[in-house]
Amino acid sequence: MLKKNLLIGLASLLAFFQLTPALADETKAVNSAKTLETAQAFLWAAGSGDMEKLESLMADDFVWHNEGDADIPWIGNWESKEKVLNTFFPLFGAGLKVTSWSTDYSFVNGDQAVFMGSMSAIANESGVDTGKFSWAVRVQVEDGKVKSWNWLEDSYAVSKAYHAKQ
């Protein structure tokens, strides 16, 4: 009887260990799908200028980070949704007018989503066109809210247009 119970216990344990990775993969897939859905909604809201939707998707401790030329007013780390909405976006909007935009790739893993594409813009002060350049953004989502947005672009093209003499 003891031997039979031991075999049943071992069989149950083996079944558990075989199912556990499948359940973990399924949970990760569901989490990844939710991450991608939230990140895509945020990307759409940012691109369309829907500030109300953006604000609703931001975590309270949201961080927007732009890599690039520190002499450009909107480049750097912007911590808190209030600073992003009330300082970053007005500076960005006053400095750059996006003239084309495409999102060509996206992928997701757990709470991180990545989008890549191309865009062009005109620097408002100089009137100079950046030409078409590549961009990428890494988005972290927690509890259905975007916690961080790490924007990477061809900052040379943006800086060159921004600092051009008329």
C-alpha atoms as a PDB file:
ATOM      1  CA  MET A   1       0.000   0.000   0.000  1.00  0.00           C
ATOM      2  CA  LEU A   2       2.821   2.394   0.893  1.00  0.00           C
ATOM      3  CA  LYS A   3       4.517   1.660  -2.405  1.00  0.00           C
ATOM      4  CA  LYS A   4       1.268   2.319  -4.317  1.00  0.00           C
ATOM      5  CA  ASN A   5       0.707   5.636  -2.480  1.00  0.00           C
ATOM      6  CA  LEU A   6       4.302   6.629  -3.149  1.00  0.00           C
ATOM      7  CA  LEU A   7       3.887   5.912  -6.872  1.00  0.00           C
ATOM      8  CA  ILE A   8       0.631   7.881  -6.995  1.00  0.00           C
ATOM      9  CA  GLY A   9       2.321  10.768  -5.175  1.00  0.00           C
ATOM     10  CA  LEU A  10       5.281  10.730  -7.561  1.00  0.00           C
ATOM     11  CA  ALA A  11       2.984  10.571 -10.586  1.00  0.00           C
ATOM     12  CA  SER A  12       0.997  13.545  -9.256  1.00  0.00           C
ATOM     13  CA  LEU A  13       4.180  15.479  -8.606  1.00  0.00           C
ATOM     14  CA  LEU A  14       5.441  14.788 -12.132  1.00  0.00           C
ATOM     15  CA  ALA A  15       2.109  15.878 -13.610  1.00  0.00           C
ATOM     16  CA  PHE A  16       2.287  19.100 -11.577  1.00  0.00           C
ATOM     17  CA  PHE A  17       5.784  19.896 -12.826  1.00  0.00           C
ATOM     18  CA  GLN A  18       4.734  19.198 -16.415  1.00  0.00           C
ATOM     19  CA  LEU A  19       1.690  21.483 -16.142  1.00  0.00           C
ATOM     20  CA  THR A  20       3.390  24.300 -14.254  1.00  0.00           C
ATOM     21  CA  PRO A  21       5.499  25.570 -17.203  1.00  0.00           C
ATOM     22  CA  ALA A  22       2.439  25.465 -19.464  1.00  0.00           C
ATOM     23  CA  LEU A  23       0.430  27.486 -16.940  1.00  0.00           C
ATOM     24  CA  ALA A  24       3.309  29.944 -16.516  1.00  0.00           C
ATOM     25  CA  ASP A  25       3.574  30.325 -20.309  1.00  0.00           C
ATOM     26  CA  GLU A  26      -0.181  30.887 -20.564  1.00  0.00           C
ATOM     27  CA  THR A  27      -0.095  33.504 -17.786  1.00  0.00           C
ATOM     28  CA  LYS A  28       2.845  35.264 -19.457  1.00  0.00           C
ATOM     29  CA  ALA A  29       0.998  35.248 -22.799  1.00  0.00           C
ATOM     30  CA  VAL A  30      -2.098  36.811 -21.210  1.00  0.00           C
ATOM     31  CA  ASN A  31       0.041  39.428 -19.418  1.00  0.00           C
ATOM     32  CA  SER A  32       1.939  40.161 -22.634  1.00  0.00           C
ATOM     33  CA  ALA A  33      -1.315  40.618 -24.558  1.00  0.00           C
ATOM     34  CA  LYS A  34      -2.580  43.079 -21.923  1.00  0.00           C
ATOM     35  CA  THR A  35       0.760  44.922 -22.016  1.00  0.00           C
ATOM     36  CA  LEU A  36       0.628  45.235 -25.794  1.00  0.00           C
ATOM     37  CA  GLU A  37      -2.986  46.435 -25.709  1.00  0.00           C
ATOM     38  CA  THR A  38      -2.201  49.153 -23.141  1.00  0.00           C
ATOM     39  CA  ALA A  39       1.040  50.196 -24.855  1.00  0.00           C
ATOM     40  CA  GLN A  40      -0.679  50.413 -28.264  1.00  0.00           C
ATOM     41  CA  ALA A  41      -3.477  52.544 -26.789  1.00  0.00           C
ATOM     42  CA  PHE A  42      -0.851  54.834 -25.269  1.00  0.00           C
ATOM     43  CA  LEU A  43       1.080  55.074 -28.549  1.00  0.00           C
ATOM     44  CA  TRP A  44      -2.133  55.914 -30.411  1.00  0.00           C
ATOM     45  CA  ALA A  45      -3.111  58.558 -27.839  1.00  0.00           C
ATOM     46  CA  ALA A  46       0.354  60.143 -27.988  1.00  0.00           C
ATOM     47  CA  GLY A  47       0.302  60.207 -31.782  1.00  0.00           C
ATOM     48  CA  SER A  48      -3.205  61.639 -32.000  1.00  0.00           C
ATOM     49  CA  GLY A  49      -2.767  64.199 -29.221  1.00  0.00           C
ATOM     50  CA  ASP A  50      -5.512  62.687 -27.039  1.00  0.00           C
ATOM     51  CA  MET A  51      -4.214  64.061 -23.723  1.00  0.00           C
ATOM     52  CA  GLU A  52      -7.209  62.803 -21.751  1.00  0.00           C
ATOM     53  CA  LYS A  53      -6.566  59.215 -22.893  1.00  0.00           C
ATOM     54  CA  LEU A  54      -2.820  59.598 -22.261  1.00  0.00           C
ATOM     55  CA  GLU A  55      -3.413  60.801 -18.728  1.00  0.00           C
ATOM     56  CA  SER A  56      -5.804  57.926 -18.021  1.00  0.00           C
ATOM     57  CA  LEU A  57      -3.170  55.410 -19.164  1.00  0.00           C
ATOM     58  CA  MET A  58      -0.259  56.881 -17.145  1.00  0.00           C
ATOM     59  CA  ALA A  59       0.757  55.541 -13.754  1.00  0.00           C
ATOM     60  CA  ASP A  60       1.029  58.253 -11.104  1.00  0.00           C
ATOM     61  CA  ASP A  61       4.816  57.746 -10.984  1.00  0.00           C
ATOM     62  CA  PHE A  62       5.096  57.695 -14.789  1.00  0.00           C
ATOM     63  CA  VAL A  63       8.494  58.480 -16.357  1.00  0.00           C
ATOM     64  CA  TRP A  64       8.959  59.681 -19.949  1.00  0.00           C
ATOM     65  CA  HIS A  65      12.572  59.541 -21.088  1.00  0.00           C
ATOM     66  CA  ASN A  66      13.896  60.953 -24.369  1.00  0.00           C
ATOM     67  CA  GLU A  67      17.464  60.217 -25.412  1.00  0.00           C
ATOM     68  CA  GLY A  68      19.312  62.891 -27.339  1.00  0.00           C
ATOM     69  CA  ASP A  69      20.801  66.368 -27.420  1.00  0.00           C
ATOM     70  CA  ALA A  70      20.438  67.893 -23.938  1.00  0.00           C
ATOM     71  CA  ASP A  71      20.315  71.368 -25.553  1.00  0.00           C
ATOM     72  CA  ILE A  72      16.863  70.552 -26.928  1.00  0.00           C
ATOM     73  CA  PRO A  73      14.260  71.556 -24.304  1.00  0.00           C
ATOM     74  CA  TRP A  74      12.169  68.358 -24.373  1.00  0.00           C
ATOM     75  CA  ILE A  75      15.078  65.897 -24.218  1.00  0.00           C
ATOM     76  CA  GLY A  76      15.786  64.134 -20.914  1.00  0.00           C
ATOM     77  CA  ASN A  77      13.944  62.513 -18.051  1.00  0.00           C
ATOM     78  CA  TRP A  78      10.429  63.673 -17.181  1.00  0.00           C
ATOM     79  CA  GLU A  79       9.203  62.176 -13.918  1.00  0.00           C
ATOM     80  CA  SER A  80       5.472  62.225 -13.063  1.00  0.00           C
ATOM     81  CA  LYS A  81       2.520  62.501 -15.333  1.00  0.00           C
ATOM     82  CA  GLU A  82       1.985  66.125 -14.283  1.00  0.00           C
ATOM     83  CA  LYS A  83       5.461  67.124 -15.566  1.00  0.00           C
ATOM     84  CA  VAL A  84       4.952  65.157 -18.770  1.00  0.00           C
ATOM     85  CA  LEU A  85       1.539  66.659 -19.463  1.00  0.00           C
ATOM     86  CA  ASN A  86       2.258  70.213 -18.308  1.00  0.00           C
ATOM     87  CA  THR A  87       5.928  70.676 -19.249  1.00  0.00           C
ATOM     88  CA  PHE A  88       7.181  68.047 -21.695  1.00  0.00           C
ATOM     89  CA  PHE A  89       4.264  68.103 -24.152  1.00  0.00           C
ATOM     90  CA  PRO A  90       4.080  71.917 -24.408  1.00  0.00           C
ATOM     91  CA  LEU A  91       7.855  72.081 -24.999  1.00  0.00           C
ATOM     92  CA  PHE A  92       7.749  69.282 -27.553  1.00  0.00           C
ATOM     93  CA  GLY A  93       4.725  70.768 -29.337  1.00  0.00           C
ATOM     94  CA  ALA A  94       6.334  74.209 -29.498  1.00  0.00           C
ATOM     95  CA  GLY A  95       9.583  72.767 -30.809  1.00  0.00           C
ATOM     96  CA  LEU A  96       8.678  70.110 -33.338  1.00  0.00           C
ATOM     97  CA  LYS A  97       5.867  69.478 -35.809  1.00  0.00           C
ATOM     98  CA  VAL A  98       5.634  65.814 -36.834  1.00  0.00           C
ATOM     99  CA  THR A  99       4.997  65.564 -40.586  1.00  0.00           C
ATOM    100  CA  SER A 100       5.051  61.777 -41.084  1.00  0.00           C
ATOM    101  CA  TRP A 101       4.835  58.766 -38.810  1.00  0.00           C
ATOM    102  CA  SER A 102       4.794  55.010 -39.193  1.00  0.00           C
ATOM    103  CA  THR A 103       4.956  52.151 -36.752  1.00  0.00           C
ATOM    104  CA  ASP A 104       6.568  49.230 -38.544  1.00  0.00           C
ATOM    105  CA  TYR A 105       7.272  46.675 -35.802  1.00  0.00           C
ATOM    106  CA  SER A 106       6.089  45.765 -32.342  1.00  0.00           C
ATOM    107  CA  PHE A 107       6.876  43.005 -29.921  1.00  0.00           C
ATOM    108  CA  VAL A 108       6.113  42.291 -26.305  1.00  0.00           C
ATOM    109  CA  ASN A 109       7.476  40.245 -23.433  1.00  0.00           C
ATOM    110  CA  GLY A 110       5.686  40.287 -20.091  1.00  0.00           C
ATOM    111  CA  ASP A 111       5.367  43.891 -18.914  1.00  0.00           C
ATOM    112  CA  GLN A 112       7.570  45.363 -21.682  1.00  0.00           C
ATOM    113  CA  ALA A 113       6.499  46.336 -25.213  1.00  0.00           C
ATOM    114  CA  VAL A 114       8.705  47.723 -27.968  1.00  0.00           C
ATOM    115  CA  PHE A 115       7.614  49.643 -31.059  1.00  0.00           C
ATOM    116  CA  MET A 116       9.839  50.701 -33.953  1.00  0.00           C
ATOM    117  CA  GLY A 117       9.181  52.865 -36.956  1.00  0.00           C
ATOM    118  CA  SER A 118      10.096  55.982 -38.854  1.00  0.00           C
ATOM    119  CA  MET A 119       9.041  59.602 -38.815  1.00  0.00           C
ATOM    120  CA  SER A 120       9.917  63.068 -40.036  1.00  0.00           C
ATOM    121  CA  ALA A 121       9.321  66.478 -38.524  1.00  0.00           C
ATOM    122  CA  ILE A 122       9.962  70.165 -38.911  1.00  0.00           C
ATOM    123  CA  ALA A 123      11.757  72.105 -36.173  1.00  0.00           C
ATOM    124  CA  ASN A 124       9.387  75.007 -35.550  1.00  0.00           C
ATOM    125  CA  GLU A 125      12.014  77.617 -34.659  1.00  0.00           C
ATOM    126  CA  SER A 126      14.303  76.979 -37.630  1.00  0.00           C
ATOM    127  CA  GLY A 127      11.700  75.703 -40.109  1.00  0.00           C
ATOM    128  CA  VAL A 128      14.131  72.941 -41.098  1.00  0.00           C
ATOM    129  CA  ASP A 129      12.875  69.441 -41.935  1.00  0.00           C
ATOM    130  CA  THR A 130      14.563  66.552 -40.126  1.00  0.00           C
ATOM    131  CA  GLY A 131      14.099  64.216 -43.066  1.00  0.00           C
ATOM    132  CA  LYS A 132      12.888  60.690 -42.447  1.00  0.00           C
ATOM    133  CA  PHE A 133      14.531  58.985 -39.461  1.00  0.00           C
ATOM    134  CA  SER A 134      14.097  55.867 -37.329  1.00  0.00           C
ATOM    135  CA  TRP A 135      12.640  55.720 -33.836  1.00  0.00           C
ATOM    136  CA  ALA A 136      12.007  53.080 -31.182  1.00  0.00           C
ATOM    137  CA  VAL A 137      10.253  53.157 -27.843  1.00  0.00           C
ATOM    138  CA  ARG A 138      10.313  50.737 -24.919  1.00  0.00           C
ATOM    139  CA  VAL A 139       7.143  50.830 -22.837  1.00  0.00           C
ATOM    140  CA  GLN A 140       6.722  49.311 -19.368  1.00  0.00           C
ATOM    141  CA  VAL A 141       3.177  48.542 -18.233  1.00  0.00           C
ATOM    142  CA  GLU A 142       2.135  47.748 -14.654  1.00  0.00           C
ATOM    143  CA  ASP A 143      -1.432  47.079 -13.513  1.00  0.00           C
ATOM    144  CA  GLY A 144      -2.901  48.350 -16.790  1.00  0.00           C
ATOM    145  CA  LYS A 145      -1.007  51.664 -16.660  1.00  0.00           C
ATOM    146  CA  VAL A 146       2.103  52.812 -18.507  1.00  0.00           C
ATOM    147  CA  LYS A 147       4.860  53.232 -15.944  1.00  0.00           C
ATOM    148  CA  SER A 148       7.686  54.244 -18.275  1.00  0.00           C
ATOM    149  CA  TRP A 149       8.216  55.334 -21.852  1.00  0.00           C
ATOM    150  CA  ASN A 150      11.804  55.287 -23.103  1.00  0.00           C
ATOM    151  CA  TRP A 151      11.957  57.049 -26.477  1.00  0.00           C
ATOM    152  CA  LEU A 152      14.940  56.572 -28.796  1.00  0.00           C
ATOM    153  CA  GLU A 153      15.296  58.420 -32.098  1.00  0.00           C
ATOM    154  CA  ASP A 154      17.881  59.653 -34.552  1.00  0.00           C
ATOM    155  CA  SER A 155      18.661  62.558 -32.271  1.00  0.00           C
ATOM    156  CA  TYR A 156      21.313  63.837 -34.681  1.00  0.00           C
ATOM    157  CA  ALA A 157      18.641  64.571 -37.318  1.00  0.00           C
ATOM    158  CA  VAL A 158      16.438  66.296 -34.731  1.00  0.00           C
ATOM    159  CA  SER A 159      19.334  68.285 -33.239  1.00  0.00           C
ATOM    160  CA  LYS A 160      20.635  69.355 -36.641  1.00  0.00           C
ATOM    161  CA  ALA A 161      17.172  70.664 -37.665  1.00  0.00           C
ATOM    162  CA  TYR A 162      16.531  72.254 -34.265  1.00  0.00           C
ATOM    163  CA  HIS A 163      19.861  74.142 -34.195  1.00  0.00           C
ATOM    164  CA  ALA A 164      19.889  75.122 -37.894  1.00  0.00           C
ATOM    165  CA  LYS A 165      20.333  78.809 -38.702  1.00  0.00           C
ATOM    166  CA  GLN A 166      17.678  80.356 -40.911  1.00  0.00           C
END
